[in-house]
């Protein structure tokens, strides 16, 4: 099965201001976020990307701009299903103020029961994101083969919920996962189960480059899972 590289957008003006951005328009990368985005092509150098899928929000599009400039012709798709959680009435508010809201305790301790006023529930957010990446995974594999690698640029809560799904964790545990701005998380889907290859990685990504396939007679039974024991899986 294909390998999914999840990139959280670079640090944004909302991050530095302590705001819950959600789908608030006009939230851009700050100076550090722009530098993080500029470094992304070098970090991914040599990793063959079949396609890129992006949240429609500005901060994600700006994060991918240097990578797309470095790789002319790389297919880009926009998918609202990997866009940020719809925080509804909480969007644009200071996190310091939201900390006193009774709902915040539910969001942190029992997120599967949390639904944002005027927005969506965290269960709905996870469901749409999982459906999106699994559909893209199947499409990329069908079009480019089982060793294909594709990238999705998304948001912290989306990526955390996808990691929880890959690990077979209940959504109520997803707040234990942390992903930094412009960090890389990688998941290898196989016919039987997913494997988490990277989580919140901000360093060298060379081990994600697929190795040459071994002769068929040397492959372990089960096919897809055998490759996970190589460089990427060793992380």
C-alpha atoms as a PDB file:
ATOM      1  CA  UNK A   1       0.000   0.000   0.000  1.00  0.00           C
ATOM      2  CA  UNK A   2       1.051   3.618  -0.469  1.00  0.00           C
ATOM      3  CA  UNK A   3       2.833   5.662   2.173  1.00  0.00           C
ATOM      4  CA  UNK A   4       1.135   8.791   3.501  1.00  0.00           C
ATOM      5  CA  UNK A   5       3.270  11.748   4.600  1.00  0.00           C
ATOM      6  CA  UNK A   6       1.326  14.174   6.789  1.00  0.00           C
ATOM      7  CA  UNK A   7       2.757  17.678   7.114  1.00  0.00           C
ATOM      8  CA  UNK A   8       1.333  20.106   9.618  1.00  0.00           C
ATOM      9  CA  UNK A   9       1.368  23.677   8.306  1.00  0.00           C
ATOM     10  CA  UNK A  10       4.187  25.939   9.458  1.00  0.00           C
ATOM     11  CA  UNK A  11       3.803  28.230  12.442  1.00  0.00           C
ATOM     12  CA  UNK A  12       1.038  30.748  11.792  1.00  0.00           C
ATOM     13  CA  UNK A  13       0.118  34.198  13.009  1.00  0.00           C
ATOM     14  CA  UNK A  14      -2.689  32.578  15.020  1.00  0.00           C
ATOM     15  CA  UNK A  15      -0.196  30.236  16.699  1.00  0.00           C
ATOM     16  CA  UNK A  16       1.956  33.127  17.856  1.00  0.00           C
ATOM     17  CA  UNK A  17      -1.091  35.148  18.963  1.00  0.00           C
ATOM     18  CA  UNK A  18      -2.542  32.247  20.945  1.00  0.00           C
ATOM     19  CA  UNK A  19      -5.734  32.108  18.872  1.00  0.00           C
ATOM     20  CA  UNK A  20      -7.867  29.147  17.871  1.00  0.00           C
ATOM     21  CA  UNK A  21      -7.868  29.858  14.157  1.00  0.00           C
ATOM     22  CA  UNK A  22     -10.173  27.192  12.776  1.00  0.00           C
ATOM     23  CA  UNK A  23     -11.461  28.304   9.378  1.00  0.00           C
ATOM     24  CA  UNK A  24     -10.925  32.015  10.083  1.00  0.00           C
ATOM     25  CA  UNK A  25      -9.788  33.555   6.766  1.00  0.00           C
ATOM     26  CA  UNK A  26      -6.505  35.383   6.376  1.00  0.00           C
ATOM     27  CA  UNK A  27      -4.452  33.322   8.829  1.00  0.00           C
ATOM     28  CA  UNK A  28      -0.981  33.234   7.249  1.00  0.00           C
ATOM     29  CA  UNK A  29       2.401  31.835   8.180  1.00  0.00           C
ATOM     30  CA  UNK A  30       4.491  34.039  10.441  1.00  0.00           C
ATOM     31  CA  UNK A  31       8.200  34.636   9.806  1.00  0.00           C
ATOM     32  CA  UNK A  32       9.255  31.399  11.441  1.00  0.00           C
ATOM     33  CA  UNK A  33       6.523  29.468   9.643  1.00  0.00           C
ATOM     34  CA  UNK A  34       7.727  30.819   6.295  1.00  0.00           C
ATOM     35  CA  UNK A  35      11.252  29.665   7.136  1.00  0.00           C
ATOM     36  CA  UNK A  36       9.934  26.233   8.066  1.00  0.00           C
ATOM     37  CA  UNK A  37       8.095  26.004   4.749  1.00  0.00           C
ATOM     38  CA  UNK A  38      11.219  27.104   2.849  1.00  0.00           C
ATOM     39  CA  UNK A  39      13.167  24.243   4.451  1.00  0.00           C
ATOM     40  CA  UNK A  40      10.583  21.583   3.583  1.00  0.00           C
ATOM     41  CA  UNK A  41      11.791  20.906  -0.010  1.00  0.00           C
ATOM     42  CA  UNK A  42      15.275  20.137   1.274  1.00  0.00           C
ATOM     43  CA  UNK A  43      13.976  17.840   3.980  1.00  0.00           C
ATOM     44  CA  UNK A  44      11.933  15.919   1.412  1.00  0.00           C
ATOM     45  CA  UNK A  45      14.725  15.864  -1.173  1.00  0.00           C
ATOM     46  CA  UNK A  46      14.864  12.439  -2.758  1.00  0.00           C
ATOM     47  CA  UNK A  47      11.487  11.326  -1.424  1.00  0.00           C
ATOM     48  CA  UNK A  48       9.420  10.602  -4.548  1.00  0.00           C
ATOM     49  CA  UNK A  49       6.003  12.187  -4.247  1.00  0.00           C
ATOM     50  CA  UNK A  50       3.229  10.984  -6.527  1.00  0.00           C
ATOM     51  CA  UNK A  51       0.852  13.773  -5.503  1.00  0.00           C
ATOM     52  CA  UNK A  52       0.107  16.387  -2.881  1.00  0.00           C
ATOM     53  CA  UNK A  53      -3.246  16.921  -1.158  1.00  0.00           C
ATOM     54  CA  UNK A  54      -3.809  20.176   0.705  1.00  0.00           C
ATOM     55  CA  UNK A  55      -6.266  21.728   3.110  1.00  0.00           C
ATOM     56  CA  UNK A  56      -7.927  24.725   1.449  1.00  0.00           C
ATOM     57  CA  UNK A  57      -6.764  27.052   4.238  1.00  0.00           C
ATOM     58  CA  UNK A  58      -4.145  29.712   3.514  1.00  0.00           C
ATOM     59  CA  UNK A  59      -1.553  28.559   6.050  1.00  0.00           C
ATOM     60  CA  UNK A  60      -1.399  25.112   4.480  1.00  0.00           C
ATOM     61  CA  UNK A  61      -1.198  26.473   0.943  1.00  0.00           C
ATOM     62  CA  UNK A  62       1.665  28.766   1.973  1.00  0.00           C
ATOM     63  CA  UNK A  63       3.463  25.837   3.597  1.00  0.00           C
ATOM     64  CA  UNK A  64       3.382  23.877   0.343  1.00  0.00           C
ATOM     65  CA  UNK A  65       4.315  26.773  -1.952  1.00  0.00           C
ATOM     66  CA  UNK A  66       8.129  26.261  -1.757  1.00  0.00           C
ATOM     67  CA  UNK A  67       7.777  22.501  -2.292  1.00  0.00           C
ATOM     68  CA  UNK A  68       5.555  22.981  -5.334  1.00  0.00           C
ATOM     69  CA  UNK A  69       7.962  25.582  -6.727  1.00  0.00           C
ATOM     70  CA  UNK A  70      10.841  23.122  -6.311  1.00  0.00           C
ATOM     71  CA  UNK A  71       8.913  20.331  -8.027  1.00  0.00           C
ATOM     72  CA  UNK A  72       7.146  21.750 -11.090  1.00  0.00           C
ATOM     73  CA  UNK A  73       4.436  19.447 -12.330  1.00  0.00           C
ATOM     74  CA  UNK A  74       3.786  17.771  -8.978  1.00  0.00           C
ATOM     75  CA  UNK A  75       0.004  17.189  -8.914  1.00  0.00           C
ATOM     76  CA  UNK A  76      -1.782  19.292  -6.298  1.00  0.00           C
ATOM     77  CA  UNK A  77      -5.282  18.499  -5.050  1.00  0.00           C
ATOM     78  CA  UNK A  78      -7.334  20.492  -2.548  1.00  0.00           C
ATOM     79  CA  UNK A  79      -9.615  18.523  -0.236  1.00  0.00           C
ATOM     80  CA  UNK A  80     -11.841  20.214   2.344  1.00  0.00           C
ATOM     81  CA  UNK A  81     -12.008  16.967   4.313  1.00  0.00           C
ATOM     82  CA  UNK A  82      -8.435  17.515   5.527  1.00  0.00           C
ATOM     83  CA  UNK A  83      -9.192  21.117   6.460  1.00  0.00           C
ATOM     84  CA  UNK A  84      -9.120  22.241  10.087  1.00  0.00           C
ATOM     85  CA  UNK A  85     -11.814  21.277  12.550  1.00  0.00           C
ATOM     86  CA  UNK A  86     -14.852  23.560  12.328  1.00  0.00           C
ATOM     87  CA  UNK A  87     -14.676  25.183  15.757  1.00  0.00           C
ATOM     88  CA  UNK A  88     -17.777  27.275  15.126  1.00  0.00           C
ATOM     89  CA  UNK A  89     -18.305  30.034  17.709  1.00  0.00           C
ATOM     90  CA  UNK A  90     -14.874  29.315  19.181  1.00  0.00           C
ATOM     91  CA  UNK A  91     -13.066  30.264  15.984  1.00  0.00           C
ATOM     92  CA  UNK A  92     -10.767  33.255  16.331  1.00  0.00           C
ATOM     93  CA  UNK A  93     -10.978  33.347  20.140  1.00  0.00           C
ATOM     94  CA  UNK A  94      -7.982  33.379  22.464  1.00  0.00           C
ATOM     95  CA  UNK A  95      -7.047  29.993  23.873  1.00  0.00           C
ATOM     96  CA  UNK A  96      -6.463  31.619  27.266  1.00  0.00           C
ATOM     97  CA  UNK A  97     -10.131  32.652  27.339  1.00  0.00           C
ATOM     98  CA  UNK A  98     -11.385  29.293  26.106  1.00  0.00           C
ATOM     99  CA  UNK A  99      -9.524  27.537  28.910  1.00  0.00           C
ATOM    100  CA  UNK A 100     -12.283  28.674  31.292  1.00  0.00           C
ATOM    101  CA  UNK A 101     -15.088  27.280  29.139  1.00  0.00           C
ATOM    102  CA  UNK A 102     -16.662  24.094  30.615  1.00  0.00           C
ATOM    103  CA  UNK A 103     -16.491  22.476  27.183  1.00  0.00           C
ATOM    104  CA  UNK A 104     -12.692  22.758  27.132  1.00  0.00           C
ATOM    105  CA  UNK A 105     -12.431  20.128  29.869  1.00  0.00           C
ATOM    106  CA  UNK A 106     -14.471  17.780  27.663  1.00  0.00           C
ATOM    107  CA  UNK A 107     -12.307  18.601  24.633  1.00  0.00           C
ATOM    108  CA  UNK A 108      -9.174  17.679  26.579  1.00  0.00           C
ATOM    109  CA  UNK A 109     -10.396  14.712  28.624  1.00  0.00           C
ATOM    110  CA  UNK A 110     -13.306  13.187  26.681  1.00  0.00           C
ATOM    111  CA  UNK A 111     -12.969  14.518  23.115  1.00  0.00           C
ATOM    112  CA  UNK A 112     -15.271  11.907  21.594  1.00  0.00           C
ATOM    113  CA  UNK A 113     -18.106  13.691  23.425  1.00  0.00           C
ATOM    114  CA  UNK A 114     -17.055  17.201  22.368  1.00  0.00           C
ATOM    115  CA  UNK A 115     -19.030  19.215  19.820  1.00  0.00           C
ATOM    116  CA  UNK A 116     -18.219  22.878  19.218  1.00  0.00           C
ATOM    117  CA  UNK A 117     -21.111  25.368  19.353  1.00  0.00           C
ATOM    118  CA  UNK A 118     -21.972  26.334  15.815  1.00  0.00           C
ATOM    119  CA  UNK A 119     -19.305  23.928  14.527  1.00  0.00           C
ATOM    120  CA  UNK A 120     -18.702  20.197  14.333  1.00  0.00           C
ATOM    121  CA  UNK A 121     -17.859  17.411  16.751  1.00  0.00           C
ATOM    122  CA  UNK A 122     -14.372  15.962  17.025  1.00  0.00           C
ATOM    123  CA  UNK A 123     -15.867  12.598  16.037  1.00  0.00           C
ATOM    124  CA  UNK A 124     -17.098  14.115  12.770  1.00  0.00           C
ATOM    125  CA  UNK A 125     -13.718  15.736  12.184  1.00  0.00           C
ATOM    126  CA  UNK A 126     -11.892  12.442  12.592  1.00  0.00           C
ATOM    127  CA  UNK A 127     -14.354  10.527  10.427  1.00  0.00           C
ATOM    128  CA  UNK A 128     -14.060  12.876   7.445  1.00  0.00           C
ATOM    129  CA  UNK A 129     -10.259  13.007   7.695  1.00  0.00           C
ATOM    130  CA  UNK A 130      -9.873   9.226   7.898  1.00  0.00           C
ATOM    131  CA  UNK A 131     -12.234   8.737   4.969  1.00  0.00           C
ATOM    132  CA  UNK A 132     -10.256  11.268   2.943  1.00  0.00           C
ATOM    133  CA  UNK A 133      -6.788   9.801   3.491  1.00  0.00           C
ATOM    134  CA  UNK A 134      -7.920   6.230   2.977  1.00  0.00           C
ATOM    135  CA  UNK A 135      -9.632   7.169  -0.275  1.00  0.00           C
ATOM    136  CA  UNK A 136      -6.543   9.056  -1.435  1.00  0.00           C
ATOM    137  CA  UNK A 137      -4.341   6.144  -0.373  1.00  0.00           C
ATOM    138  CA  UNK A 138      -6.330   3.713  -2.495  1.00  0.00           C
ATOM    139  CA  UNK A 139      -6.351   6.113  -5.459  1.00  0.00           C
ATOM    140  CA  UNK A 140      -2.609   6.787  -5.292  1.00  0.00           C
ATOM    141  CA  UNK A 141      -1.801   3.089  -5.063  1.00  0.00           C
ATOM    142  CA  UNK A 142      -4.060   2.284  -8.006  1.00  0.00           C
ATOM    143  CA  UNK A 143      -2.500   5.011 -10.159  1.00  0.00           C
ATOM    144  CA  UNK A 144       1.148   4.822  -9.038  1.00  0.00           C
ATOM    145  CA  UNK A 145       1.727   1.417  -7.439  1.00  0.00           C
ATOM    146  CA  UNK A 146       2.144   0.046  -3.940  1.00  0.00           C
ATOM    147  CA  UNK A 147       5.472   1.821  -3.315  1.00  0.00           C
ATOM    148  CA  UNK A 148       4.024   5.258  -4.051  1.00  0.00           C
ATOM    149  CA  UNK A 149       4.384   8.092  -1.546  1.00  0.00           C
ATOM    150  CA  UNK A 150       1.963  10.996  -1.297  1.00  0.00           C
ATOM    151  CA  UNK A 151       1.753  14.028   0.963  1.00  0.00           C
ATOM    152  CA  UNK A 152      -1.155  15.649   2.774  1.00  0.00           C
ATOM    153  CA  UNK A 153      -0.722  19.111   4.306  1.00  0.00           C
ATOM    154  CA  UNK A 154      -3.181  19.610   7.137  1.00  0.00           C
ATOM    155  CA  UNK A 155      -3.650  20.758  10.737  1.00  0.00           C
ATOM    156  CA  UNK A 156      -2.717  19.621  14.218  1.00  0.00           C
ATOM    157  CA  UNK A 157      -6.015  18.136  15.379  1.00  0.00           C
ATOM    158  CA  UNK A 158      -6.585  16.478  12.002  1.00  0.00           C
ATOM    159  CA  UNK A 159      -3.155  14.828  12.046  1.00  0.00           C
ATOM    160  CA  UNK A 160      -3.507  13.741  15.678  1.00  0.00           C
ATOM    161  CA  UNK A 161      -6.852  12.120  14.898  1.00  0.00           C
ATOM    162  CA  UNK A 162      -5.359  10.300  11.895  1.00  0.00           C
ATOM    163  CA  UNK A 163      -2.505   9.004  14.039  1.00  0.00           C
ATOM    164  CA  UNK A 164      -4.974   7.776  16.641  1.00  0.00           C
ATOM    165  CA  UNK A 165      -6.867   5.902  13.920  1.00  0.00           C
ATOM    166  CA  UNK A 166      -3.654   4.377  12.550  1.00  0.00           C
ATOM    167  CA  UNK A 167      -2.640   3.188  16.013  1.00  0.00           C
ATOM    168  CA  UNK A 168      -6.077   1.776  16.805  1.00  0.00           C
ATOM    169  CA  UNK A 169      -6.459   4.315  19.627  1.00  0.00           C
ATOM    170  CA  UNK A 170      -9.792   5.639  20.829  1.00  0.00           C
ATOM    171  CA  UNK A 171     -10.354   9.285  19.980  1.00  0.00           C
ATOM    172  CA  UNK A 172     -10.444  10.007  23.717  1.00  0.00           C
ATOM    173  CA  UNK A 173      -6.668   9.402  23.756  1.00  0.00           C
ATOM    174  CA  UNK A 174      -5.743  11.625  20.824  1.00  0.00           C
ATOM    175  CA  UNK A 175      -4.844  14.608  23.010  1.00  0.00           C
ATOM    176  CA  UNK A 176      -1.820  12.588  24.185  1.00  0.00           C
ATOM    177  CA  UNK A 177      -0.349  13.008  20.687  1.00  0.00           C
ATOM    178  CA  UNK A 178       1.644  16.116  19.766  1.00  0.00           C
ATOM    179  CA  UNK A 179       2.758  17.351  16.347  1.00  0.00           C
ATOM    180  CA  UNK A 180       4.841  20.515  15.918  1.00  0.00           C
ATOM    181  CA  UNK A 181       4.303  23.075  13.122  1.00  0.00           C
ATOM    182  CA  UNK A 182       5.793  21.856   9.836  1.00  0.00           C
ATOM    183  CA  UNK A 183       6.568  18.466  11.354  1.00  0.00           C
ATOM    184  CA  UNK A 184       6.237  15.272   9.328  1.00  0.00           C
ATOM    185  CA  UNK A 185       4.179  12.263  10.344  1.00  0.00           C
ATOM    186  CA  UNK A 186       4.168   9.200   8.090  1.00  0.00           C
ATOM    187  CA  UNK A 187       1.778   6.255   7.935  1.00  0.00           C
ATOM    188  CA  UNK A 188       2.180   3.150   5.814  1.00  0.00           C
ATOM    189  CA  UNK A 189      -1.141   1.459   5.121  1.00  0.00           C
ATOM    190  CA  UNK A 190      -1.129  -2.287   4.428  1.00  0.00           C
ATOM    191  CA  UNK A 191      -3.965  -4.726   3.679  1.00  0.00           C
ATOM    192  CA  UNK A 192      -4.071  -5.826   7.328  1.00  0.00           C
ATOM    193  CA  UNK A 193      -3.157  -2.729   9.366  1.00  0.00           C
ATOM    194  CA  UNK A 194      -1.429   0.664   9.246  1.00  0.00           C
ATOM    195  CA  UNK A 195       2.080   1.301  10.551  1.00  0.00           C
ATOM    196  CA  UNK A 196       3.219   4.613  12.038  1.00  0.00           C
ATOM    197  CA  UNK A 197       6.651   5.354  10.530  1.00  0.00           C
ATOM    198  CA  UNK A 198       7.182   8.897  11.796  1.00  0.00           C
ATOM    199  CA  UNK A 199       5.471  11.106  14.359  1.00  0.00           C
ATOM    200  CA  UNK A 200       6.041  14.851  14.520  1.00  0.00           C
ATOM    201  CA  UNK A 201       9.453  14.528  12.860  1.00  0.00           C
ATOM    202  CA  UNK A 202      11.368  17.761  12.282  1.00  0.00           C
ATOM    203  CA  UNK A 203      14.649  16.196  11.149  1.00  0.00           C
ATOM    204  CA  UNK A 204      16.092  14.022   8.373  1.00  0.00           C
ATOM    205  CA  UNK A 205      13.495  12.273   6.197  1.00  0.00           C
ATOM    206  CA  UNK A 206      15.839  10.291   3.940  1.00  0.00           C
ATOM    207  CA  UNK A 207      14.722   6.932   5.420  1.00  0.00           C
ATOM    208  CA  UNK A 208      11.277   7.532   3.917  1.00  0.00           C
ATOM    209  CA  UNK A 209      12.719   7.058   0.422  1.00  0.00           C
ATOM    210  CA  UNK A 210      11.402   3.661  -0.748  1.00  0.00           C
ATOM    211  CA  UNK A 211      14.076   1.002  -1.069  1.00  0.00           C
ATOM    212  CA  UNK A 212      14.398  -1.024  -4.253  1.00  0.00           C
ATOM    213  CA  UNK A 213      11.947  -3.920  -4.140  1.00  0.00           C
ATOM    214  CA  UNK A 214      13.636  -7.285  -3.389  1.00  0.00           C
ATOM    215  CA  UNK A 215      13.177 -10.219  -5.775  1.00  0.00           C
ATOM    216  CA  UNK A 216       9.761 -11.797  -5.391  1.00  0.00           C
ATOM    217  CA  UNK A 217      11.176 -15.043  -3.997  1.00  0.00           C
ATOM    218  CA  UNK A 218      12.877 -13.128  -1.157  1.00  0.00           C
ATOM    219  CA  UNK A 219       9.771 -11.325   0.018  1.00  0.00           C
ATOM    220  CA  UNK A 220       8.091 -12.402   3.205  1.00  0.00           C
ATOM    221  CA  UNK A 221       4.598 -13.797   2.977  1.00  0.00           C
ATOM    222  CA  UNK A 222       2.006 -11.081   3.300  1.00  0.00           C
ATOM    223  CA  UNK A 223       3.784  -8.743   0.884  1.00  0.00           C
ATOM    224  CA  UNK A 224       2.797  -5.257   1.974  1.00  0.00           C
ATOM    225  CA  UNK A 225       3.850  -5.540   5.594  1.00  0.00           C
ATOM    226  CA  UNK A 226       7.343  -6.865   4.846  1.00  0.00           C
ATOM    227  CA  UNK A 227       8.663  -3.514   3.637  1.00  0.00           C
ATOM    228  CA  UNK A 228       7.864  -1.911   6.972  1.00  0.00           C
ATOM    229  CA  UNK A 229      10.840  -3.635   8.557  1.00  0.00           C
ATOM    230  CA  UNK A 230      13.163  -1.547   6.367  1.00  0.00           C
ATOM    231  CA  UNK A 231      14.574   1.931   6.844  1.00  0.00           C
ATOM    232  CA  UNK A 232      11.307   3.785   7.337  1.00  0.00           C
ATOM    233  CA  UNK A 233       9.777   1.258   9.694  1.00  0.00           C
ATOM    234  CA  UNK A 234      12.908   1.169  11.851  1.00  0.00           C
ATOM    235  CA  UNK A 235      12.140   4.662  13.090  1.00  0.00           C
END
